[in-house]
Amino acid sequence: MAELTYDFTGKTAFVTGGSAGTGEATVRAFAEAGAAVAIVDRNEDAAQALADELTGKGQKALPIACDVTDEDQVAAAVRETVEAFGSLDMAFNNAGIMLPPVDSADETEAAFDQLVAVNLKGVWASMKHELKQMREQGSGAIVNCSSLGGLVGGDGRTTYHATKHGVIGATKSVALQYGRHGVRCNAVCPGTIETPMVAAMAARGELDRETSAAGVPLGRLGRPEEIAAAVLWLCSDAASYVTGAALPVDAGHTAQ
């Protein structure tokens, strides 16, 4: 697979859910492209381990323990990032969860609240405080992680899909409002990617890898690095005229 390379030297990236899966792959890609990266995750030990590895290679990384459902923690994470690196140029709001499927008539209020708190409020809080800094700078690029579930419905996952649709609505609205401030805002919509979340779903019998792979035109599951590549492109000058987009990275799933 051909690889595109970017030069983000002197720029700062902020990645939520950055210690594993797609977030980790994106942190690594930003760091390899020269960016200073804030690894924002509620798993403090994993974030620290990744930061230690990257800094050991001469790259710039800052681990920040943060629960994105707590706006005060998000605000503090953004402040810490700017204090450490001097700017906030790129953000990938990736933190998200998926709960086991359930009949919509039987879903609990607690499950609804948990999904909304992480997948929607977490993106809202992250964008709010990223935008304050980017508005002051007069520049920036935000990428929110939606899902193919932000473009279609899903049997047994009503609230999950609702939150991911909400992410796209928020993305488009911010794009309309913040273009005048030099800020672009887009979303990626991953298909089924080989991440710890997908591995857990497979282990619980909620997903069959072979069936999922056979159900898309490219005939395979995605790799976290393929989502990272889309995120870096959207944050780069190569995508300087792209804002308000919801980009499917799903092997053609939503084209069917």
C-alpha atoms as a PDB file:
ATOM      1  CA  MET A   1       0.000   0.000   0.000  1.00  0.00           C
ATOM      2  CA  ALA A   2       1.403   3.384  -1.010  1.00  0.00           C
ATOM      3  CA  GLU A   3       1.956   5.731   1.891  1.00  0.00           C
ATOM      4  CA  LEU A   4       1.509   9.485   1.997  1.00  0.00           C
ATOM      5  CA  THR A   5       3.784  11.432   4.290  1.00  0.00           C
ATOM      6  CA  TYR A   6       3.148  14.817   5.865  1.00  0.00           C
ATOM      7  CA  ASP A   7       5.366  17.311   7.623  1.00  0.00           C
ATOM      8  CA  PHE A   8       3.659  18.501  10.801  1.00  0.00           C
ATOM      9  CA  THR A   9       6.869  19.774  12.402  1.00  0.00           C
ATOM     10  CA  GLY A  10       6.105  22.613  14.799  1.00  0.00           C
ATOM     11  CA  LYS A  11       2.431  21.672  15.046  1.00  0.00           C
ATOM     12  CA  THR A  12       0.486  20.161  17.916  1.00  0.00           C
ATOM     13  CA  ALA A  13      -2.093  17.368  17.725  1.00  0.00           C
ATOM     14  CA  PHE A  14      -4.629  16.398  20.406  1.00  0.00           C
ATOM     15  CA  VAL A  15      -6.023  12.851  20.276  1.00  0.00           C
ATOM     16  CA  THR A  16      -8.721  11.563  22.620  1.00  0.00           C
ATOM     17  CA  GLY A  17      -8.917   7.839  23.206  1.00  0.00           C
ATOM     18  CA  GLY A  18      -5.308   7.965  22.108  1.00  0.00           C
ATOM     19  CA  SER A  19      -3.811   4.977  23.913  1.00  0.00           C
ATOM     20  CA  ALA A  20      -5.286   2.100  21.886  1.00  0.00           C
ATOM     21  CA  GLY A  21      -6.783   1.079  18.564  1.00  0.00           C
ATOM     22  CA  THR A  22      -7.450   3.803  16.033  1.00  0.00           C
ATOM     23  CA  GLY A  23      -6.441   6.501  18.498  1.00  0.00           C
ATOM     24  CA  GLU A  24      -3.054   4.906  19.096  1.00  0.00           C
ATOM     25  CA  ALA A  25      -2.455   4.483  15.366  1.00  0.00           C
ATOM     26  CA  THR A  26      -3.272   8.146  14.820  1.00  0.00           C
ATOM     27  CA  VAL A  27      -1.010   9.275  17.666  1.00  0.00           C
ATOM     28  CA  ARG A  28       1.828   7.291  16.114  1.00  0.00           C
ATOM     29  CA  ALA A  29       1.153   8.720  12.652  1.00  0.00           C
ATOM     30  CA  PHE A  30       1.088  12.309  13.910  1.00  0.00           C
ATOM     31  CA  ALA A  31       4.315  11.767  15.882  1.00  0.00           C
ATOM     32  CA  GLU A  32       6.071  10.186  12.911  1.00  0.00           C
ATOM     33  CA  ALA A  33       5.048  13.219  10.831  1.00  0.00           C
ATOM     34  CA  GLY A  34       6.803  15.503  13.311  1.00  0.00           C
ATOM     35  CA  ALA A  35       3.870  16.754  15.374  1.00  0.00           C
ATOM     36  CA  ALA A  36       3.891  17.085  19.139  1.00  0.00           C
ATOM     37  CA  VAL A  37       1.021  14.887  20.316  1.00  0.00           C
ATOM     38  CA  ALA A  38      -1.169  14.984  23.409  1.00  0.00           C
ATOM     39  CA  ILE A  39      -2.288  11.423  24.180  1.00  0.00           C
ATOM     40  CA  VAL A  40      -5.589  12.013  25.982  1.00  0.00           C
ATOM     41  CA  ASP A  41      -7.109   8.929  27.561  1.00  0.00           C
ATOM     42  CA  ARG A  42      -8.788   7.770  30.761  1.00  0.00           C
ATOM     43  CA  ASN A  43      -6.300   4.870  30.800  1.00  0.00           C
ATOM     44  CA  GLU A  44      -3.431   6.809  32.318  1.00  0.00           C
ATOM     45  CA  ASP A  45      -0.983   3.900  32.371  1.00  0.00           C
ATOM     46  CA  ALA A  46      -1.489   3.073  28.692  1.00  0.00           C
ATOM     47  CA  ALA A  47      -1.130   6.715  27.683  1.00  0.00           C
ATOM     48  CA  GLN A  48       2.056   7.009  29.722  1.00  0.00           C
ATOM     49  CA  ALA A  49       3.522   3.840  28.189  1.00  0.00           C
ATOM     50  CA  LEU A  50       2.847   5.065  24.659  1.00  0.00           C
ATOM     51  CA  ALA A  51       4.282   8.498  25.434  1.00  0.00           C
ATOM     52  CA  ASP A  52       7.410   6.913  26.920  1.00  0.00           C
ATOM     53  CA  GLU A  53       7.887   4.830  23.789  1.00  0.00           C
ATOM     54  CA  LEU A  54       7.519   7.808  21.465  1.00  0.00           C
ATOM     55  CA  THR A  55       9.702  10.164  23.455  1.00  0.00           C
ATOM     56  CA  GLY A  56      12.292   7.387  23.642  1.00  0.00           C
ATOM     57  CA  LYS A  57      12.474   7.606  19.853  1.00  0.00           C
ATOM     58  CA  GLY A  58      12.955  11.372  19.958  1.00  0.00           C
ATOM     59  CA  GLN A  59       9.327  12.203  19.199  1.00  0.00           C
ATOM     60  CA  LYS A  60       7.191  14.629  21.183  1.00  0.00           C
ATOM     61  CA  ALA A  61       4.328  13.162  23.201  1.00  0.00           C
ATOM     62  CA  LEU A  62       2.446  14.156  26.335  1.00  0.00           C
ATOM     63  CA  PRO A  63       0.190  11.715  28.212  1.00  0.00           C
ATOM     64  CA  ILE A  64      -2.887  13.301  29.775  1.00  0.00           C
ATOM     65  CA  ALA A  65      -5.337  11.381  31.948  1.00  0.00           C
ATOM     66  CA  CYS A  66      -8.821  12.554  31.004  1.00  0.00           C
ATOM     67  CA  ASP A  67     -12.411  11.333  31.071  1.00  0.00           C
ATOM     68  CA  VAL A  68     -14.099  13.096  28.149  1.00  0.00           C
ATOM     69  CA  THR A  69     -17.484  12.906  29.884  1.00  0.00           C
ATOM     70  CA  ASP A  70     -16.188  15.496  32.383  1.00  0.00           C
ATOM     71  CA  GLU A  71     -15.962  18.904  30.716  1.00  0.00           C
ATOM     72  CA  ASP A  72     -13.616  20.276  33.376  1.00  0.00           C
ATOM     73  CA  GLN A  73     -11.137  17.481  32.665  1.00  0.00           C
ATOM     74  CA  VAL A  74     -11.340  18.158  28.941  1.00  0.00           C
ATOM     75  CA  ALA A  75     -10.757  21.878  29.451  1.00  0.00           C
ATOM     76  CA  ALA A  76      -7.750  21.101  31.647  1.00  0.00           C
ATOM     77  CA  ALA A  77      -6.365  18.680  29.025  1.00  0.00           C
ATOM     78  CA  VAL A  78      -6.523  21.342  26.324  1.00  0.00           C
ATOM     79  CA  ARG A  79      -4.862  23.890  28.611  1.00  0.00           C
ATOM     80  CA  GLU A  80      -2.096  21.441  29.513  1.00  0.00           C
ATOM     81  CA  THR A  81      -1.480  20.712  25.844  1.00  0.00           C
ATOM     82  CA  VAL A  82      -1.176  24.383  24.903  1.00  0.00           C
ATOM     83  CA  GLU A  83       1.025  25.126  27.917  1.00  0.00           C
ATOM     84  CA  ALA A  84       3.344  22.266  26.954  1.00  0.00           C
ATOM     85  CA  PHE A  85       3.551  22.800  23.210  1.00  0.00           C
ATOM     86  CA  GLY A  86       2.397  26.370  22.583  1.00  0.00           C
ATOM     87  CA  SER A  87      -0.509  25.733  20.217  1.00  0.00           C
ATOM     88  CA  LEU A  88      -3.321  23.382  19.257  1.00  0.00           C
ATOM     89  CA  ASP A  89      -3.338  22.856  15.526  1.00  0.00           C
ATOM     90  CA  MET A  90      -5.042  19.507  14.989  1.00  0.00           C
ATOM     91  CA  ALA A  91      -7.482  17.412  16.976  1.00  0.00           C
ATOM     92  CA  PHE A  92      -8.874  13.922  16.539  1.00  0.00           C
ATOM     93  CA  ASN A  93     -11.857  13.447  18.835  1.00  0.00           C
ATOM     94  CA  ASN A  94     -11.795   9.693  18.795  1.00  0.00           C
ATOM     95  CA  ALA A  95     -12.902   8.520  22.259  1.00  0.00           C
ATOM     96  CA  GLY A  96     -16.022   6.399  22.009  1.00  0.00           C
ATOM     97  CA  ILE A  97     -17.724   3.266  23.262  1.00  0.00           C
ATOM     98  CA  MET A  98     -20.122   0.613  21.991  1.00  0.00           C
ATOM     99  CA  LEU A  99     -22.316  -1.473  24.275  1.00  0.00           C
ATOM    100  CA  PRO A 100     -23.788  -4.911  23.491  1.00  0.00           C
ATOM    101  CA  PRO A 101     -26.827  -4.856  21.184  1.00  0.00           C
ATOM    102  CA  VAL A 102     -30.251  -4.692  22.791  1.00  0.00           C
ATOM    103  CA  ASP A 103     -33.869  -4.502  21.720  1.00  0.00           C
ATOM    104  CA  SER A 104     -34.775  -0.813  21.655  1.00  0.00           C
ATOM    105  CA  ALA A 105     -37.762  -1.465  23.911  1.00  0.00           C
ATOM    106  CA  ASP A 106     -35.480  -2.985  26.540  1.00  0.00           C
ATOM    107  CA  GLU A 107     -32.535  -0.569  26.553  1.00  0.00           C
ATOM    108  CA  THR A 108     -31.885   0.876  29.988  1.00  0.00           C
ATOM    109  CA  GLU A 109     -31.647   4.562  30.760  1.00  0.00           C
ATOM    110  CA  ALA A 110     -28.196   3.926  32.209  1.00  0.00           C
ATOM    111  CA  ALA A 111     -26.970   2.487  28.901  1.00  0.00           C
ATOM    112  CA  PHE A 112     -28.445   5.434  26.997  1.00  0.00           C
ATOM    113  CA  ASP A 113     -26.803   7.925  29.340  1.00  0.00           C
ATOM    114  CA  GLN A 114     -23.423   6.198  29.121  1.00  0.00           C
ATOM    115  CA  LEU A 115     -23.385   6.132  25.321  1.00  0.00           C
ATOM    116  CA  VAL A 116     -24.487   9.750  25.033  1.00  0.00           C
ATOM    117  CA  ALA A 117     -21.994  10.891  27.673  1.00  0.00           C
ATOM    118  CA  VAL A 118     -18.965   9.386  25.920  1.00  0.00           C
ATOM    119  CA  ASN A 119     -19.877   9.437  22.231  1.00  0.00           C
ATOM    120  CA  LEU A 120     -21.706  12.757  22.015  1.00  0.00           C
ATOM    121  CA  LYS A 121     -21.018  14.856  25.093  1.00  0.00           C
ATOM    122  CA  GLY A 122     -17.359  13.863  24.916  1.00  0.00           C
ATOM    123  CA  VAL A 123     -17.085  15.162  21.355  1.00  0.00           C
ATOM    124  CA  TRP A 124     -19.040  18.307  22.282  1.00  0.00           C
ATOM    125  CA  ALA A 125     -16.758  19.064  25.241  1.00  0.00           C
ATOM    126  CA  SER A 126     -13.618  18.353  23.246  1.00  0.00           C
ATOM    127  CA  MET A 127     -14.647  20.567  20.352  1.00  0.00           C
ATOM    128  CA  LYS A 128     -15.785  23.360  22.665  1.00  0.00           C
ATOM    129  CA  HIS A 129     -12.392  23.749  24.272  1.00  0.00           C
ATOM    130  CA  GLU A 130     -10.380  23.035  21.137  1.00  0.00           C
ATOM    131  CA  LEU A 131     -12.355  25.709  19.322  1.00  0.00           C
ATOM    132  CA  LYS A 132     -11.650  28.312  21.985  1.00  0.00           C
ATOM    133  CA  GLN A 133      -7.929  27.883  21.381  1.00  0.00           C
ATOM    134  CA  MET A 134      -8.231  27.600  17.597  1.00  0.00           C
ATOM    135  CA  ARG A 135     -10.445  30.681  17.414  1.00  0.00           C
ATOM    136  CA  GLU A 136      -7.777  32.633  19.286  1.00  0.00           C
ATOM    137  CA  GLN A 137      -5.077  31.324  16.925  1.00  0.00           C
ATOM    138  CA  GLY A 138      -7.172  31.868  13.808  1.00  0.00           C
ATOM    139  CA  SER A 139      -6.393  28.379  12.534  1.00  0.00           C
ATOM    140  CA  GLY A 140      -6.914  24.696  13.194  1.00  0.00           C
ATOM    141  CA  ALA A 141      -8.318  21.412  11.932  1.00  0.00           C
ATOM    142  CA  ILE A 142     -10.660  19.128  13.863  1.00  0.00           C
ATOM    143  CA  VAL A 143     -11.611  15.581  12.894  1.00  0.00           C
ATOM    144  CA  ASN A 144     -14.383  13.853  14.830  1.00  0.00           C
ATOM    145  CA  CYS A 145     -14.747  10.092  14.847  1.00  0.00           C
ATOM    146  CA  SER A 146     -18.256   9.162  13.783  1.00  0.00           C
ATOM    147  CA  SER A 147     -18.840   5.722  12.265  1.00  0.00           C
ATOM    148  CA  LEU A 148     -20.561   4.018   9.394  1.00  0.00           C
ATOM    149  CA  GLY A 149     -23.214   4.016  12.134  1.00  0.00           C
ATOM    150  CA  GLY A 150     -23.451   7.779  11.656  1.00  0.00           C
ATOM    151  CA  LEU A 151     -24.633   7.191   8.079  1.00  0.00           C
ATOM    152  CA  VAL A 152     -26.952   4.196   8.460  1.00  0.00           C
ATOM    153  CA  GLY A 153     -29.097   2.566  11.120  1.00  0.00           C
ATOM    154  CA  GLY A 154     -28.214  -0.542  13.073  1.00  0.00           C
ATOM    155  CA  ASP A 155     -30.354  -3.364  14.428  1.00  0.00           C
ATOM    156  CA  GLY A 156     -29.979  -3.454  18.203  1.00  0.00           C
ATOM    157  CA  ARG A 157     -27.821  -0.343  18.507  1.00  0.00           C
ATOM    158  CA  THR A 158     -30.328   2.506  18.382  1.00  0.00           C
ATOM    159  CA  THR A 159     -28.547   4.834  20.786  1.00  0.00           C
ATOM    160  CA  TYR A 160     -25.061   4.133  19.452  1.00  0.00           C
ATOM    161  CA  HIS A 161     -26.181   5.058  15.949  1.00  0.00           C
ATOM    162  CA  ALA A 162     -28.029   8.087  17.255  1.00  0.00           C
ATOM    163  CA  THR A 163     -24.861   9.381  18.912  1.00  0.00           C
ATOM    164  CA  LYS A 164     -22.805   8.832  15.787  1.00  0.00           C
ATOM    165  CA  HIS A 165     -25.401  10.645  13.660  1.00  0.00           C
ATOM    166  CA  GLY A 166     -25.193  13.425  16.234  1.00  0.00           C
ATOM    167  CA  VAL A 167     -21.437  13.671  15.781  1.00  0.00           C
ATOM    168  CA  ILE A 168     -21.925  14.324  12.077  1.00  0.00           C
ATOM    169  CA  GLY A 169     -24.547  16.996  12.770  1.00  0.00           C
ATOM    170  CA  ALA A 170     -22.227  18.714  15.229  1.00  0.00           C
ATOM    171  CA  THR A 171     -19.340  18.471  12.768  1.00  0.00           C
ATOM    172  CA  LYS A 172     -21.296  20.131   9.971  1.00  0.00           C
ATOM    173  CA  SER A 173     -22.584  22.877  12.254  1.00  0.00           C
ATOM    174  CA  VAL A 174     -19.103  23.737  13.529  1.00  0.00           C
ATOM    175  CA  ALA A 175     -17.775  23.731   9.972  1.00  0.00           C
ATOM    176  CA  LEU A 176     -20.387  26.316   9.004  1.00  0.00           C
ATOM    177  CA  GLN A 177     -19.635  28.523  11.988  1.00  0.00           C
ATOM    178  CA  TYR A 178     -15.849  28.302  12.195  1.00  0.00           C
ATOM    179  CA  GLY A 179     -14.699  28.581   8.605  1.00  0.00           C
ATOM    180  CA  ARG A 180     -14.558  32.342   9.160  1.00  0.00           C
ATOM    181  CA  HIS A 181     -12.095  31.709  11.993  1.00  0.00           C
ATOM    182  CA  GLY A 182      -9.762  29.637   9.826  1.00  0.00           C
ATOM    183  CA  VAL A 183     -10.856  26.342  11.356  1.00  0.00           C
ATOM    184  CA  ARG A 184     -11.906  23.282   9.369  1.00  0.00           C
ATOM    185  CA  CYS A 185     -14.048  20.529  10.916  1.00  0.00           C
ATOM    186  CA  ASN A 186     -14.673  17.115   9.385  1.00  0.00           C
ATOM    187  CA  ALA A 187     -15.639  13.601  10.468  1.00  0.00           C
ATOM    188  CA  VAL A 188     -14.380  10.157   9.594  1.00  0.00           C
ATOM    189  CA  CYS A 189     -16.854   7.282   9.477  1.00  0.00           C
ATOM    190  CA  PRO A 190     -14.936   4.030   9.965  1.00  0.00           C
ATOM    191  CA  GLY A 191     -16.318   0.667   9.017  1.00  0.00           C
ATOM    192  CA  THR A 192     -15.333  -2.469  10.902  1.00  0.00           C
ATOM    193  CA  ILE A 193     -11.713  -1.986  11.944  1.00  0.00           C
ATOM    194  CA  GLU A 194      -9.416  -4.467  13.686  1.00  0.00           C
ATOM    195  CA  THR A 195      -9.321  -2.735  17.064  1.00  0.00           C
ATOM    196  CA  PRO A 196      -9.604  -3.973  20.660  1.00  0.00           C
ATOM    197  CA  MET A 197     -13.284  -2.938  20.570  1.00  0.00           C
ATOM    198  CA  VAL A 198     -13.946  -5.162  17.549  1.00  0.00           C
ATOM    199  CA  ALA A 199     -11.935  -8.000  19.100  1.00  0.00           C
ATOM    200  CA  ALA A 200     -14.122  -7.776  22.203  1.00  0.00           C
ATOM    201  CA  MET A 201     -17.271  -7.820  20.085  1.00  0.00           C
ATOM    202  CA  ALA A 202     -16.034 -10.914  18.256  1.00  0.00           C
ATOM    203  CA  ALA A 203     -15.202 -12.620  21.561  1.00  0.00           C
ATOM    204  CA  ARG A 204     -18.746 -11.963  22.810  1.00  0.00           C
ATOM    205  CA  GLY A 205     -20.230 -13.380  19.618  1.00  0.00           C
ATOM    206  CA  GLU A 206     -21.626 -10.021  18.494  1.00  0.00           C
ATOM    207  CA  LEU A 207     -19.582  -9.969  15.303  1.00  0.00           C
ATOM    208  CA  ASP A 208     -18.146 -12.559  12.933  1.00  0.00           C
ATOM    209  CA  ARG A 209     -15.009 -11.351  11.182  1.00  0.00           C
ATOM    210  CA  GLU A 210     -15.462 -13.514   8.080  1.00  0.00           C
ATOM    211  CA  THR A 211     -19.081 -12.447   7.621  1.00  0.00           C
ATOM    212  CA  SER A 212     -18.189  -8.786   8.124  1.00  0.00           C
ATOM    213  CA  ALA A 213     -15.342  -9.012   5.628  1.00  0.00           C
ATOM    214  CA  ALA A 214     -17.513 -10.776   3.058  1.00  0.00           C
ATOM    215  CA  GLY A 215     -20.161  -8.079   3.415  1.00  0.00           C
ATOM    216  CA  VAL A 216     -18.084  -5.245   1.963  1.00  0.00           C
ATOM    217  CA  PRO A 217     -16.754  -4.736  -1.578  1.00  0.00           C
ATOM    218  CA  LEU A 218     -13.077  -4.791  -0.533  1.00  0.00           C
ATOM    219  CA  GLY A 219     -13.615  -8.120   1.228  1.00  0.00           C
ATOM    220  CA  ARG A 220     -11.684  -7.461   4.427  1.00  0.00           C
ATOM    221  CA  LEU A 221     -11.732  -5.606   7.718  1.00  0.00           C
ATOM    222  CA  GLY A 222      -9.890  -2.330   8.027  1.00  0.00           C
ATOM    223  CA  ARG A 223      -6.660  -1.530   9.829  1.00  0.00           C
ATOM    224  CA  PRO A 224      -6.335   1.272  12.395  1.00  0.00           C
ATOM    225  CA  GLU A 225      -3.570   2.779  10.279  1.00  0.00           C
ATOM    226  CA  GLU A 226      -6.057   3.256   7.442  1.00  0.00           C
ATOM    227  CA  ILE A 227      -8.244   5.450   9.631  1.00  0.00           C
ATOM    228  CA  ALA A 228      -5.178   7.326  10.838  1.00  0.00           C
ATOM    229  CA  ALA A 229      -4.225   8.011   7.230  1.00  0.00           C
ATOM    230  CA  ALA A 230      -7.621   9.577   6.582  1.00  0.00           C
ATOM    231  CA  VAL A 231      -7.361  11.699   9.728  1.00  0.00           C
ATOM    232  CA  LEU A 232      -3.918  13.010   8.810  1.00  0.00           C
ATOM    233  CA  TRP A 233      -5.085  13.858   5.305  1.00  0.00           C
ATOM    234  CA  LEU A 234      -8.068  15.793   6.669  1.00  0.00           C
ATOM    235  CA  CYS A 235      -5.742  17.695   9.023  1.00  0.00           C
ATOM    236  CA  SER A 236      -3.205  18.461   6.306  1.00  0.00           C
ATOM    237  CA  ASP A 237      -2.939  21.229   3.742  1.00  0.00           C
ATOM    238  CA  ALA A 238      -3.806  18.590   1.139  1.00  0.00           C
ATOM    239  CA  ALA A 239      -7.396  18.883   2.440  1.00  0.00           C
ATOM    240  CA  SER A 240      -7.351  22.676   2.761  1.00  0.00           C
ATOM    241  CA  TYR A 241     -10.663  23.063   0.876  1.00  0.00           C
ATOM    242  CA  VAL A 242     -12.459  20.275   2.769  1.00  0.00           C
ATOM    243  CA  THR A 243     -14.737  21.112   5.675  1.00  0.00           C
ATOM    244  CA  GLY A 244     -18.095  19.817   6.883  1.00  0.00           C
ATOM    245  CA  ALA A 245     -17.485  16.413   5.303  1.00  0.00           C
ATOM    246  CA  ALA A 246     -18.341  12.997   6.730  1.00  0.00           C
ATOM    247  CA  LEU A 247     -15.823  10.696   5.054  1.00  0.00           C
ATOM    248  CA  PRO A 248     -16.680   6.981   4.947  1.00  0.00           C
ATOM    249  CA  VAL A 249     -13.609   4.783   5.437  1.00  0.00           C
ATOM    250  CA  ASP A 250     -15.559   1.563   5.336  1.00  0.00           C
ATOM    251  CA  ALA A 251     -14.500  -0.617   2.378  1.00  0.00           C
ATOM    252  CA  GLY A 252     -17.647   0.449   0.525  1.00  0.00           C
ATOM    253  CA  HIS A 253     -20.165  -0.641   3.170  1.00  0.00           C
ATOM    254  CA  THR A 254     -22.315   2.480   2.927  1.00  0.00           C
ATOM    255  CA  ALA A 255     -22.127   2.528  -0.873  1.00  0.00           C
ATOM    256  CA  GLN A 256     -24.310  -0.591  -1.038  1.00  0.00           C
END
